[in-house]
Amino acid sequence: MRFITIFLAWLACFASSSVHADLYGFVDEQGQVHLANRQLDERYQLYQKSLQSGASSNAALDDATTPGLGATLSSDNRLPAPAAARVDGLKSVNAPAYNTKLASQYKHLIDQTAREFKLDANLLHSIVTVESGYNPQALSPKGAVGLMQVIPATGERFGVTELSDPRQNLRAGARYLRFLLAQFNNDLPLAIAAYNAGEGAVQKYRNTIPPYEETRDYVAKVLASYEKRGGLAYQNSLRNSAGKTRVRAVILPATLSGTTASAL
């Protein structure tokens, strides 16, 4: 077993070439990283799109959606900040229950919206789960409306006024979430906290999760839902009691062209 730094170094080498295949991967329950140049099944998520000959490396990376978070890589090729499932100070909670019939009814629309705004659909589903339980008619005491519980001021800020319409509600919420991810350098827990409490609250507490019980519970629930859906698998490095990384990579021989199979 070798530490995940080896895996990250391998990825860096793989991404440095001017032409290579798509890269998909996931981390299994034993902490093994599985990689392939095509999506073998639903667990595999796109890590890196292929770079075309003569194309700008940065441009290609900017178009690549990272699994889990779903945000694009920045122009200086930095990966998004880790979306750890266990954030210091947050409660350990179970993923919230939701109405599966309603979830099925709005799945396609949520997935479509996620693609439009280059967000991970798992993340958008997790926000909807905690915000409204997939109830498009949900209305909070503070006036938040619909699937993503968007307040009218936020809707207007992002060009949406018909918040009772599920499609428009999702677009407003997704656009706001996309803005927050950019605002907080793709730090997922901070973006989630800001979605609940507002970006001003996160900034007030020096870019940390505000000490509001509601907000901290909200972040914990969204992360729990996201983790259950597999969204955190690629980014959450499993750690032992000593804090050492336990993730190891498994490269599949039949899927990565020119790569010898090895268990790291």
Protein backbone atom coordinates (compact mmCIF):
# COMPACT_ATOMS: atom_id res chain seq x y z
CA MET A 1 0.00 0.00 0.00
CA ARG A 2 1.30 3.42 -0.90
CA PHE A 3 -0.10 6.79 -0.01
CA ILE A 4 -2.35 8.80 -2.26
CA THR A 5 0.53 11.14 -3.10
CA ILE A 6 1.71 8.45 -5.50
CA PHE A 7 -1.71 8.41 -7.11
CA LEU A 8 -1.74 12.20 -7.42
CA ALA A 9 1.76 12.19 -8.85
CA TRP A 10 0.67 9.59 -11.42
CA LEU A 11 -2.28 11.78 -12.36
CA ALA A 12 0.01 14.78 -12.76
CA CYS A 13 2.24 12.83 -15.13
CA PHE A 14 -0.76 11.52 -17.00
CA ALA A 15 -2.27 14.98 -17.41
CA SER A 16 1.01 16.57 -18.50
CA SER A 17 1.13 14.93 -21.92
CA SER A 18 -0.33 16.86 -24.84
CA VAL A 19 -2.46 13.98 -26.05
CA HIS A 20 -4.07 11.31 -23.89
CA ALA A 21 -7.29 9.42 -23.37
CA ASP A 22 -10.19 10.41 -21.17
CA LEU A 23 -9.64 9.52 -17.53
CA TYR A 24 -12.41 8.12 -15.36
CA GLY A 25 -12.17 6.88 -11.80
CA PHE A 26 -13.69 6.26 -8.39
CA VAL A 27 -12.63 5.25 -4.88
CA ASP A 28 -14.21 2.05 -3.56
CA GLU A 29 -15.22 1.25 0.03
CA GLN A 30 -11.77 -0.20 0.72
CA GLY A 31 -10.14 3.06 -0.28
CA GLN A 32 -8.84 1.80 -3.61
CA VAL A 33 -8.76 4.22 -6.52
CA HIS A 34 -9.90 2.65 -9.80
CA LEU A 35 -8.96 4.33 -13.09
CA ALA A 36 -10.05 3.73 -16.67
CA ASN A 37 -10.09 5.56 -20.00
CA ARG A 38 -13.83 4.99 -20.37
CA GLN A 39 -16.83 4.79 -18.05
CA LEU A 40 -16.99 1.08 -17.23
CA ASP A 41 -20.05 1.54 -15.04
CA GLU A 42 -21.92 4.27 -13.14
CA ARG A 43 -19.29 4.45 -10.39
CA TYR A 44 -16.71 5.83 -12.80
CA GLN A 45 -16.80 9.61 -13.09
CA LEU A 46 -14.92 11.76 -15.54
CA TYR A 47 -11.71 13.16 -14.08
CA GLN A 48 -10.01 14.48 -17.22
CA LYS A 49 -11.14 14.88 -20.82
CA SER A 50 -8.78 14.00 -23.62
CA LEU A 51 -6.53 16.74 -24.92
CA GLN A 52 -6.59 17.20 -28.66
CA SER A 53 -3.36 17.59 -30.59
CA GLY A 54 -2.39 21.25 -30.86
CA ALA A 55 -5.03 22.37 -28.39
CA SER A 56 -4.25 24.51 -25.39
CA SER A 57 -3.71 22.41 -22.29
CA ASN A 58 -5.34 25.00 -20.05
CA ALA A 59 -8.36 25.32 -22.33
CA ALA A 60 -8.94 21.59 -22.25
CA LEU A 61 -8.61 21.50 -18.48
CA ASP A 62 -11.05 24.38 -18.17
CA ASP A 63 -13.64 22.26 -19.96
CA ALA A 64 -13.03 19.19 -17.82
CA THR A 65 -15.48 18.54 -15.02
CA THR A 66 -13.97 17.07 -11.89
CA PRO A 67 -15.98 14.27 -10.32
CA GLY A 68 -17.57 14.82 -6.99
CA LEU A 69 -17.49 18.59 -6.84
CA GLY A 70 -18.17 18.97 -10.53
CA ALA A 71 -16.50 22.35 -10.80
CA THR A 72 -14.10 22.98 -13.66
CA LEU A 73 -10.39 23.20 -13.02
CA SER A 74 -9.10 26.75 -12.78
CA SER A 75 -6.86 28.17 -15.50
CA ASP A 76 -3.76 27.56 -13.39
CA ASN A 77 -4.72 23.87 -13.25
CA ARG A 78 -5.37 23.76 -9.51
CA LEU A 79 -7.69 21.05 -8.30
CA PRO A 80 -10.69 22.15 -6.24
CA ALA A 81 -10.22 22.20 -2.49
CA PRO A 82 -10.94 18.77 -0.95
CA ALA A 83 -14.58 18.20 -0.10
CA ALA A 84 -13.97 16.21 3.07
CA ALA A 85 -16.99 14.37 4.38
CA ARG A 86 -15.83 14.93 7.94
CA VAL A 87 -15.31 18.65 8.42
CA ASP A 88 -13.91 19.68 11.79
CA GLY A 89 -16.62 20.66 14.24
CA LEU A 90 -19.57 19.31 12.26
CA LYS A 91 -21.93 16.71 13.62
CA SER A 92 -21.91 13.21 12.24
CA VAL A 93 -25.36 12.83 10.70
CA ASN A 94 -27.20 10.37 8.51
CA ALA A 95 -28.23 11.32 5.00
CA PRO A 96 -31.75 12.82 5.14
CA ALA A 97 -34.71 10.84 3.82
CA TYR A 98 -36.72 12.18 0.89
CA ASN A 99 -39.78 11.42 -1.22
CA THR A 100 -38.51 8.93 -3.81
CA LYS A 101 -41.55 9.41 -6.04
CA LEU A 102 -40.94 13.15 -6.26
CA ALA A 103 -37.21 12.55 -6.67
CA SER A 104 -37.89 10.33 -9.66
CA GLN A 105 -40.23 12.94 -11.13
CA TYR A 106 -37.59 15.69 -11.03
CA LYS A 107 -34.44 13.65 -11.60
CA HIS A 108 -34.12 14.42 -15.30
CA LEU A 109 -34.67 18.14 -14.79
CA ILE A 110 -32.10 18.30 -11.99
CA ASP A 111 -29.57 16.31 -14.00
CA GLN A 112 -30.14 18.57 -17.00
CA THR A 113 -29.65 21.70 -14.88
CA ALA A 114 -26.46 20.27 -13.38
CA ARG A 115 -25.03 19.71 -16.86
CA GLU A 116 -25.99 23.23 -17.92
CA PHE A 117 -24.06 24.79 -15.04
CA LYS A 118 -21.23 22.22 -14.95
CA LEU A 119 -22.18 20.98 -11.50
CA ASP A 120 -22.19 17.42 -10.26
CA ALA A 121 -25.78 16.19 -10.38
CA ASN A 122 -25.17 14.36 -7.11
CA LEU A 123 -24.41 17.68 -5.45
CA LEU A 124 -27.50 19.36 -6.86
CA HIS A 125 -29.66 16.41 -5.77
CA SER A 126 -28.17 16.66 -2.27
CA ILE A 127 -28.98 20.36 -2.01
CA VAL A 128 -32.55 19.72 -3.19
CA THR A 129 -32.90 16.82 -0.73
CA VAL A 130 -32.01 18.97 2.26
CA GLU A 131 -33.72 22.14 1.06
CA SER A 132 -37.13 20.81 0.06
CA GLY A 133 -37.17 17.02 0.00
CA TYR A 134 -38.00 17.39 -3.73
CA ASN A 135 -41.20 19.29 -2.95
CA PRO A 136 -41.58 21.99 -5.66
CA GLN A 137 -44.20 23.76 -3.56
CA ALA A 138 -42.06 24.04 -0.43
CA LEU A 139 -42.19 27.49 1.17
CA SER A 140 -40.12 28.47 4.20
CA PRO A 141 -41.10 31.00 6.91
CA LYS A 142 -38.36 33.26 5.50
CA GLY A 143 -39.94 33.22 2.04
CA ALA A 144 -37.62 30.71 0.35
CA VAL A 145 -39.41 28.99 -2.52
CA GLY A 146 -39.40 25.67 -4.35
CA LEU A 147 -37.02 22.79 -4.90
CA MET A 148 -33.87 24.73 -4.03
CA GLN A 149 -35.56 27.13 -1.58
CA VAL A 150 -34.46 30.27 -3.40
CA ILE A 151 -35.46 33.59 -1.86
CA PRO A 152 -36.88 36.18 -4.28
CA ALA A 153 -33.90 38.52 -3.84
CA THR A 154 -31.50 35.77 -4.90
CA GLY A 155 -33.72 34.85 -7.82
CA GLU A 156 -33.71 38.44 -9.07
CA ARG A 157 -29.96 38.65 -8.53
CA PHE A 158 -29.50 35.76 -10.93
CA GLY A 159 -32.17 36.74 -13.41
CA VAL A 160 -35.05 34.50 -12.31
CA THR A 161 -38.42 35.75 -11.08
CA GLU A 162 -40.70 32.72 -11.61
CA LEU A 163 -39.37 30.76 -8.64
CA SER A 164 -42.52 28.65 -8.40
CA ASP A 165 -41.58 27.07 -11.74
CA PRO A 166 -39.34 24.06 -10.96
CA ARG A 167 -37.10 24.59 -13.99
CA GLN A 168 -36.52 28.26 -13.21
CA ASN A 169 -36.08 27.54 -9.53
CA LEU A 170 -33.39 24.97 -10.25
CA ARG A 171 -31.62 27.32 -12.66
CA ALA A 172 -31.55 30.10 -10.07
CA GLY A 173 -30.29 27.80 -7.33
CA ALA A 174 -27.70 26.16 -9.57
CA ARG A 175 -26.44 29.51 -10.83
CA TYR A 176 -26.10 30.74 -7.25
CA LEU A 177 -24.29 27.57 -6.19
CA ARG A 178 -21.94 27.88 -9.15
CA PHE A 179 -21.22 31.47 -8.13
CA LEU A 180 -20.49 30.40 -4.55
CA LEU A 181 -18.08 27.67 -5.65
CA ALA A 182 -16.13 30.26 -7.62
CA GLN A 183 -16.37 32.77 -4.78
CA PHE A 184 -14.84 30.35 -2.27
CA ASN A 185 -12.22 28.78 -4.53
CA ASN A 186 -14.22 25.56 -4.97
CA ASP A 187 -14.23 24.83 -1.23
CA LEU A 188 -17.38 22.73 -1.12
CA PRO A 189 -18.26 22.98 2.61
CA LEU A 190 -17.90 26.77 2.46
CA ALA A 191 -20.03 27.01 -0.68
CA ILE A 192 -22.72 24.88 0.96
CA ALA A 193 -22.59 27.02 4.11
CA ALA A 194 -22.90 30.16 2.01
CA TYR A 195 -25.89 28.71 0.17
CA ASN A 196 -27.63 28.44 3.53
CA ALA A 197 -26.39 31.53 5.38
CA GLY A 198 -25.24 33.79 2.55
CA GLU A 199 -21.72 34.49 1.36
CA GLY A 200 -21.50 37.50 3.67
CA ALA A 201 -21.82 35.27 6.72
CA VAL A 202 -18.98 33.02 5.55
CA GLN A 203 -16.79 36.03 4.83
CA LYS A 204 -17.64 37.55 8.22
CA TYR A 205 -16.14 34.50 9.91
CA ARG A 206 -12.95 34.66 7.84
CA ASN A 207 -14.00 32.07 5.27
CA THR A 208 -15.02 29.40 7.74
CA ILE A 209 -18.38 27.76 8.31
CA PRO A 210 -20.34 30.23 10.47
CA PRO A 211 -21.06 29.13 14.06
CA TYR A 212 -24.79 29.01 13.42
CA GLU A 213 -26.35 25.73 14.50
CA GLU A 214 -28.76 25.74 11.56
CA THR A 215 -25.98 26.32 9.03
CA ARG A 216 -23.62 23.75 10.53
CA ASP A 217 -26.40 21.15 10.62
CA TYR A 218 -27.26 22.06 7.03
CA VAL A 219 -23.70 21.56 5.79
CA ALA A 220 -23.44 18.25 7.63
CA LYS A 221 -26.69 17.00 6.09
CA VAL A 222 -25.79 18.04 2.55
CA LEU A 223 -22.35 16.42 2.82
CA ALA A 224 -23.91 13.25 4.26
CA SER A 225 -26.40 13.11 1.39
CA TYR A 226 -23.65 13.81 -1.13
CA GLU A 227 -21.38 11.16 0.33
CA LYS A 228 -24.19 8.58 0.28
CA ARG A 229 -24.73 9.31 -3.41
CA GLY A 230 -21.05 8.70 -4.09
CA GLY A 231 -20.22 12.31 -4.77
CA LEU A 232 -17.40 12.54 -2.25
CA ALA A 233 -15.77 9.23 -3.13
CA TYR A 234 -13.14 10.68 -5.45
CA GLN A 235 -12.14 13.59 -3.23
CA ASN A 236 -12.45 12.32 0.31
CA SER A 237 -9.17 10.73 1.38
CA LEU A 238 -9.81 8.08 4.00
CA ARG A 239 -7.70 8.57 7.10
CA ASN A 240 -6.77 6.34 10.02
CA SER A 241 -6.68 7.42 13.66
CA ALA A 242 -3.18 8.82 13.19
CA GLY A 243 -4.39 11.04 10.37
CA LYS A 244 -2.43 9.23 7.65
CA THR A 245 -3.98 8.76 4.25
CA ARG A 246 -5.12 5.21 3.54
CA VAL A 247 -6.22 5.53 -0.08
CA ARG A 248 -4.41 3.38 -2.59
CA ALA A 249 -4.82 3.22 -6.34
CA VAL A 250 -5.63 0.28 -8.56
CA ILE A 251 -4.88 0.77 -12.27
CA LEU A 252 -6.85 -1.58 -14.48
CA PRO A 253 -4.75 -3.25 -17.23
CA ALA A 254 -7.45 -3.47 -19.87
CA THR A 255 -8.62 0.11 -19.58
CA LEU A 256 -5.61 2.41 -19.63
CA SER A 257 -3.79 2.21 -22.93
CA GLY A 258 -0.12 1.45 -22.56
CA THR A 259 -0.33 1.20 -18.77
CA THR A 260 0.76 -1.90 -16.90
CA ALA A 261 -1.63 -3.06 -14.20
CA SER A 262 -0.41 -2.47 -10.69
CA ALA A 263 -1.80 -2.23 -7.21
CA LEU A 264 -0.18 0.71 -5.48
